[in-house]
Amino acid sequence: MDNDIAVRRAERGLSQAQLAEALGVSRQTVISIEKGRFDPSLPLAFRLAALFGAPIEDIFRPDV
């Protein structure tokens, strides 16, 4: 699954550690999601969407 979390995070001036803390996950989880190696759970995807003020489908896109 493709995502633009790294871009959105950078636009807000957040480090990976700060994003991880805000979401209640490890920095390694954030790294894995940003690199597309890990798809977040639905609750985590909703937390990301809420934090970035965007619909889930704007943040995550299926690989085609």
PDB file of N, CA and C in Angstrom:
ATOM      1  N   MET A   1       0.836  -1.168   0.000  1.00  0.00           N
ATOM      2  CA  MET A   1       0.000   0.000   0.000  1.00  0.00           C
ATOM      3  C   MET A   1       0.886   1.238   0.000  1.00  0.00           C
ATOM      4  N   ASP A   2       0.610   2.152  -0.885  1.00  0.00           N
ATOM      5  CA  ASP A   2       1.366   3.390  -1.016  1.00  0.00           C
ATOM      6  C   ASP A   2       0.776   4.426  -0.049  1.00  0.00           C
ATOM      7  N   ASN A   3       1.622   5.315   0.474  1.00  0.00           N
ATOM      8  CA  ASN A   3       1.133   6.383   1.348  1.00  0.00           C
ATOM      9  C   ASN A   3       2.046   7.597   1.231  1.00  0.00           C
ATOM     10  N   ASP A   4       1.541   8.716   1.728  1.00  0.00           N
ATOM     11  CA  ASP A   4       2.341   9.950   1.719  1.00  0.00           C
ATOM     12  C   ASP A   4       2.558  10.481   3.134  1.00  0.00           C
ATOM     13  N   ILE A   5       2.674   9.576   4.075  1.00  0.00           N
ATOM     14  CA  ILE A   5       2.836   9.967   5.475  1.00  0.00           C
ATOM     15  C   ILE A   5       4.113  10.768   5.689  1.00  0.00           C
ATOM     16  N   ALA A   6       5.215  10.355   5.073  1.00  0.00           N
ATOM     17  CA  ALA A   6       6.476  11.080   5.258  1.00  0.00           C
ATOM     18  C   ALA A   6       6.345  12.531   4.800  1.00  0.00           C
ATOM     19  N   VAL A   7       5.665  12.739   3.694  1.00  0.00           N
ATOM     20  CA  VAL A   7       5.470  14.097   3.172  1.00  0.00           C
ATOM     21  C   VAL A   7       4.600  14.903   4.135  1.00  0.00           C
ATOM     22  N   ARG A   8       3.490  14.321   4.562  1.00  0.00           N
ATOM     23  CA  ARG A   8       2.591  15.026   5.481  1.00  0.00           C
ATOM     24  C   ARG A   8       3.278  15.316   6.812  1.00  0.00           C
ATOM     25  N   ARG A   9       4.064  14.373   7.279  1.00  0.00           N
ATOM     26  CA  ARG A   9       4.794  14.557   8.535  1.00  0.00           C
ATOM     27  C   ARG A   9       5.783  15.705   8.398  1.00  0.00           C
ATOM     28  N   ALA A  10       6.535  15.723   7.298  1.00  0.00           N
ATOM     29  CA  ALA A  10       7.534  16.770   7.069  1.00  0.00           C
ATOM     30  C   ALA A  10       6.870  18.139   6.930  1.00  0.00           C
ATOM     31  N   GLU A  11       5.733  18.200   6.264  1.00  0.00           N
ATOM     32  CA  GLU A  11       5.014  19.468   6.105  1.00  0.00           C
ATOM     33  C   GLU A  11       4.617  20.066   7.453  1.00  0.00           C
ATOM     34  N   ARG A  12       4.408  19.210   8.425  1.00  0.00           N
ATOM     35  CA  ARG A  12       4.016  19.675   9.765  1.00  0.00           C
ATOM     36  C   ARG A  12       5.215  19.838  10.698  1.00  0.00           C
ATOM     37  N   GLY A  13       6.404  19.573  10.182  1.00  0.00           N
ATOM     38  CA  GLY A  13       7.621  19.736  10.966  1.00  0.00           C
ATOM     39  C   GLY A  13       7.764  18.712  12.080  1.00  0.00           C
ATOM     40  N   LEU A  14       7.183  17.518  11.875  1.00  0.00           N
ATOM     41  CA  LEU A  14       7.263  16.471  12.887  1.00  0.00           C
ATOM     42  C   LEU A  14       8.390  15.500  12.560  1.00  0.00           C
ATOM     43  N   SER A  15       9.088  15.072  13.578  1.00  0.00           N
ATOM     44  CA  SER A  15      10.056  13.992  13.389  1.00  0.00           C
ATOM     45  C   SER A  15       9.304  12.662  13.437  1.00  0.00           C
ATOM     46  N   GLN A  16       9.982  11.615  13.031  1.00  0.00           N
ATOM     47  CA  GLN A  16       9.361  10.295  13.131  1.00  0.00           C
ATOM     48  C   GLN A  16       9.055   9.959  14.585  1.00  0.00           C
ATOM     49  N   ALA A  17       9.941  10.338  15.481  1.00  0.00           N
ATOM     50  CA  ALA A  17       9.732  10.076  16.909  1.00  0.00           C
ATOM     51  C   ALA A  17       8.519  10.841  17.439  1.00  0.00           C
ATOM     52  N   GLN A  18       8.358  12.093  17.019  1.00  0.00           N
ATOM     53  CA  GLN A  18       7.208  12.880  17.465  1.00  0.00           C
ATOM     54  C   GLN A  18       5.900  12.299  16.948  1.00  0.00           C
ATOM     55  N   LEU A  19       5.892  11.867  15.694  1.00  0.00           N
ATOM     56  CA  LEU A  19       4.701  11.248  15.131  1.00  0.00           C
ATOM     57  C   LEU A  19       4.386   9.957  15.869  1.00  0.00           C
ATOM     58  N   ALA A  20       5.400   9.158  16.117  1.00  0.00           N
ATOM     59  CA  ALA A  20       5.207   7.897  16.836  1.00  0.00           C
ATOM     60  C   ALA A  20       4.604   8.151  18.213  1.00  0.00           C
ATOM     61  N   GLU A  21       5.121   9.140  18.920  1.00  0.00           N
ATOM     62  CA  GLU A  21       4.601   9.465  20.248  1.00  0.00           C
ATOM     63  C   GLU A  21       3.144   9.914  20.171  1.00  0.00           C
ATOM     64  N   ALA A  22       2.820  10.740  19.197  1.00  0.00           N
ATOM     65  CA  ALA A  22       1.447  11.220  19.040  1.00  0.00           C
ATOM     66  C   ALA A  22       0.477  10.083  18.737  1.00  0.00           C
ATOM     67  N   LEU A  23       0.971   9.047  18.054  1.00  0.00           N
ATOM     68  CA  LEU A  23       0.126   7.918  17.671  1.00  0.00           C
ATOM     69  C   LEU A  23       0.142   6.789  18.690  1.00  0.00           C
ATOM     70  N   GLY A  24       1.098   6.828  19.619  1.00  0.00           N
ATOM     71  CA  GLY A  24       1.218   5.762  20.605  1.00  0.00           C
ATOM     72  C   GLY A  24       1.841   4.499  20.040  1.00  0.00           C
ATOM     73  N   VAL A  25       2.765   4.670  19.087  1.00  0.00           N
ATOM     74  CA  VAL A  25       3.475   3.539  18.487  1.00  0.00           C
ATOM     75  C   VAL A  25       4.964   3.811  18.558  1.00  0.00           C
ATOM     76  N   SER A  26       5.761   2.846  18.152  1.00  0.00           N
ATOM     77  CA  SER A  26       7.211   3.030  18.139  1.00  0.00           C
ATOM     78  C   SER A  26       7.646   3.792  16.885  1.00  0.00           C
ATOM     79  N   ARG A  27       8.826   4.366  16.967  1.00  0.00           N
ATOM     80  CA  ARG A  27       9.403   5.046  15.800  1.00  0.00           C
ATOM     81  C   ARG A  27       9.604   4.042  14.670  1.00  0.00           C
ATOM     82  N   GLN A  28       9.982   2.821  15.009  1.00  0.00           N
ATOM     83  CA  GLN A  28      10.177   1.784  14.001  1.00  0.00           C
ATOM     84  C   GLN A  28       8.886   1.504  13.240  1.00  0.00           C
ATOM     85  N   THR A  29       7.743   1.564  13.927  1.00  0.00           N
ATOM     86  CA  THR A  29       6.452   1.380  13.264  1.00  0.00           C
ATOM     87  C   THR A  29       6.217   2.484  12.245  1.00  0.00           C
ATOM     88  N   VAL A  30       6.500   3.716  12.627  1.00  0.00           N
ATOM     89  CA  VAL A  30       6.338   4.842  11.705  1.00  0.00           C
ATOM     90  C   VAL A  30       7.242   4.660  10.487  1.00  0.00           C
ATOM     91  N   ILE A  31       8.488   4.281  10.722  1.00  0.00           N
ATOM     92  CA  ILE A  31       9.426   4.056   9.617  1.00  0.00           C
ATOM     93  C   ILE A  31       8.882   2.984   8.676  1.00  0.00           C
ATOM     94  N   SER A  32       8.408   1.885   9.228  1.00  0.00           N
ATOM     95  CA  SER A  32       7.897   0.771   8.417  1.00  0.00           C
ATOM     96  C   SER A  32       6.668   1.166   7.616  1.00  0.00           C
ATOM     97  N   ILE A  33       5.792   1.958   8.208  1.00  0.00           N
ATOM     98  CA  ILE A  33       4.596   2.418   7.489  1.00  0.00           C
ATOM     99  C   ILE A  33       5.008   3.361   6.362  1.00  0.00           C
ATOM    100  N   GLU A  34       5.894   4.316   6.670  1.00  0.00           N
ATOM    101  CA  GLU A  34       6.328   5.274   5.653  1.00  0.00           C
ATOM    102  C   GLU A  34       6.980   4.568   4.458  1.00  0.00           C
ATOM    103  N   LYS A  35       7.737   3.517   4.708  1.00  0.00           N
ATOM    104  CA  LYS A  35       8.423   2.801   3.633  1.00  0.00           C
ATOM    105  C   LYS A  35       7.538   1.771   2.947  1.00  0.00           C
ATOM    106  N   GLY A  36       6.300   1.623   3.421  1.00  0.00           N
ATOM    107  CA  GLY A  36       5.378   0.689   2.803  1.00  0.00           C
ATOM    108  C   GLY A  36       5.636  -0.764   3.151  1.00  0.00           C
ATOM    109  N   ARG A  37       6.436  -1.011   4.188  1.00  0.00           N
ATOM    110  CA  ARG A  37       6.730  -2.379   4.610  1.00  0.00           C
ATOM    111  C   ARG A  37       5.683  -2.918   5.580  1.00  0.00           C
ATOM    112  N   PHE A  38       4.855  -2.030   6.118  1.00  0.00           N
ATOM    113  CA  PHE A  38       3.865  -2.416   7.119  1.00  0.00           C
ATOM    114  C   PHE A  38       2.593  -1.629   6.862  1.00  0.00           C
ATOM    115  N   ASP A  39       1.473  -2.326   6.761  1.00  0.00           N
ATOM    116  CA  ASP A  39       0.176  -1.668   6.638  1.00  0.00           C
ATOM    117  C   ASP A  39      -0.410  -1.507   8.030  1.00  0.00           C
ATOM    118  N   PRO A  40      -0.796  -0.301   8.407  1.00  0.00           N
ATOM    119  CA  PRO A  40      -1.307  -0.088   9.761  1.00  0.00           C
ATOM    120  C   PRO A  40      -2.663  -0.761   9.963  1.00  0.00           C
ATOM    121  N   SER A  41      -2.966  -1.024  11.218  1.00  0.00           N
ATOM    122  CA  SER A  41      -4.296  -1.518  11.564  1.00  0.00           C
ATOM    123  C   SER A  41      -5.307  -0.420  11.246  1.00  0.00           C
ATOM    124  N   LEU A  42      -6.543  -0.781  11.157  1.00  0.00           N
ATOM    125  CA  LEU A  42      -7.583   0.209  10.876  1.00  0.00           C
ATOM    126  C   LEU A  42      -7.636   1.293  11.956  1.00  0.00           C
ATOM    127  N   PRO A  43      -7.589   0.931  13.255  1.00  0.00           N
ATOM    128  CA  PRO A  43      -7.574   1.999  14.269  1.00  0.00           C
ATOM    129  C   PRO A  43      -6.387   2.952  14.125  1.00  0.00           C
ATOM    130  N   LEU A  44      -5.208   2.412  13.784  1.00  0.00           N
ATOM    131  CA  LEU A  44      -4.033   3.274  13.592  1.00  0.00           C
ATOM    132  C   LEU A  44      -4.203   4.144  12.356  1.00  0.00           C
ATOM    133  N   ALA A  45      -4.763   3.597  11.298  1.00  0.00           N
ATOM    134  CA  ALA A  45      -5.020   4.386  10.089  1.00  0.00           C
ATOM    135  C   ALA A  45      -5.979   5.536  10.393  1.00  0.00           C
ATOM    136  N   PHE A  46      -7.000   5.277  11.209  1.00  0.00           N
ATOM    137  CA  PHE A  46      -7.925   6.343  11.601  1.00  0.00           C
ATOM    138  C   PHE A  46      -7.221   7.405  12.438  1.00  0.00           C
ATOM    139  N   ARG A  47      -6.307   6.987  13.331  1.00  0.00           N
ATOM    140  CA  ARG A  47      -5.557   7.974  14.137  1.00  0.00           C
ATOM    141  C   ARG A  47      -4.677   8.835  13.237  1.00  0.00           C
ATOM    142  N   LEU A  48      -4.027   8.209  12.253  1.00  0.00           N
ATOM    143  CA  LEU A  48      -3.217   8.969  11.298  1.00  0.00           C
ATOM    144  C   LEU A  48      -4.077   9.964  10.526  1.00  0.00           C
ATOM    145  N   ALA A  49      -5.214   9.507  10.047  1.00  0.00           N
ATOM    146  CA  ALA A  49      -6.105  10.384   9.282  1.00  0.00           C
ATOM    147  C   ALA A  49      -6.562  11.564  10.138  1.00  0.00           C
ATOM    148  N   ALA A  50      -6.920  11.302  11.376  1.00  0.00           N
ATOM    149  CA  ALA A  50      -7.365  12.375  12.266  1.00  0.00           C
ATOM    150  C   ALA A  50      -6.233  13.358  12.539  1.00  0.00           C
ATOM    151  N   LEU A  51      -5.042  12.835  12.769  1.00  0.00           N
ATOM    152  CA  LEU A  51      -3.898  13.696  13.063  1.00  0.00           C
ATOM    153  C   LEU A  51      -3.574  14.607  11.885  1.00  0.00           C
ATOM    154  N   PHE A  52      -3.684  14.063  10.665  1.00  0.00           N
ATOM    155  CA  PHE A  52      -3.380  14.847   9.476  1.00  0.00           C
ATOM    156  C   PHE A  52      -4.596  15.577   8.914  1.00  0.00           C
ATOM    157  N   GLY A  53      -5.771  15.365   9.507  1.00  0.00           N
ATOM    158  CA  GLY A  53      -6.971  16.061   9.046  1.00  0.00           C
ATOM    159  C   GLY A  53      -7.355  15.715   7.623  1.00  0.00           C
ATOM    160  N   ALA A  54      -7.205  14.442   7.285  1.00  0.00           N
ATOM    161  CA  ALA A  54      -7.494  13.999   5.914  1.00  0.00           C
ATOM    162  C   ALA A  54      -8.197  12.645   5.948  1.00  0.00           C
ATOM    163  N   PRO A  55      -8.999  12.352   4.926  1.00  0.00           N
ATOM    164  CA  PRO A  55      -9.605  11.021   4.842  1.00  0.00           C
ATOM    165  C   PRO A  55      -8.534   9.949   4.648  1.00  0.00           C
ATOM    166  N   ILE A  56      -8.792   8.768   5.170  1.00  0.00           N
ATOM    167  CA  ILE A  56      -7.853   7.653   5.040  1.00  0.00           C
ATOM    168  C   ILE A  56      -7.475   7.418   3.584  1.00  0.00           C
ATOM    169  N   GLU A  57      -8.454   7.479   2.701  1.00  0.00           N
ATOM    170  CA  GLU A  57      -8.178   7.181   1.290  1.00  0.00           C
ATOM    171  C   GLU A  57      -7.288   8.229   0.628  1.00  0.00           C
ATOM    172  N   ASP A  58      -7.139   9.407   1.227  1.00  0.00           N
ATOM    173  CA  ASP A  58      -6.194  10.400   0.704  1.00  0.00           C
ATOM    174  C   ASP A  58      -4.757  10.110   1.154  1.00  0.00           C
ATOM    175  N   ILE A  59      -4.629   9.395   2.263  1.00  0.00           N
ATOM    176  CA  ILE A  59      -3.305   9.089   2.814  1.00  0.00           C
ATOM    177  C   ILE A  59      -2.788   7.761   2.285  1.00  0.00           C
ATOM    178  N   PHE A  60      -3.667   6.763   2.209  1.00  0.00           N
ATOM    179  CA  PHE A  60      -3.287   5.426   1.772  1.00  0.00           C
ATOM    180  C   PHE A  60      -3.925   5.097   0.443  1.00  0.00           C
ATOM    181  N   ARG A  61      -3.110   4.565  -0.466  1.00  0.00           N
ATOM    182  CA  ARG A  61      -3.610   4.167  -1.784  1.00  0.00           C
ATOM    183  C   ARG A  61      -3.117   2.765  -2.092  1.00  0.00           C
ATOM    184  N   PRO A  62      -3.979   1.931  -2.655  1.00  0.00           N
ATOM    185  CA  PRO A  62      -3.537   0.574  -2.988  1.00  0.00           C
ATOM    186  C   PRO A  62      -2.453   0.584  -4.062  1.00  0.00           C
ATOM    187  N   ASP A  63      -1.518  -0.341  -3.951  1.00  0.00           N
ATOM    188  CA  ASP A  63      -0.511  -0.507  -5.005  1.00  0.00           C
ATOM    189  C   ASP A  63      -1.220  -1.030  -6.241  1.00  0.00           C
ATOM    190  N   VAL A  64      -0.881  -0.469  -7.373  1.00  0.00           N
ATOM    191  CA  VAL A  64      -1.528  -0.915  -8.619  1.00  0.00           C
ATOM    192  C   VAL A  64      -0.510  -1.545  -9.531  1.00  0.00           C
TER     193      VAL A  64
END
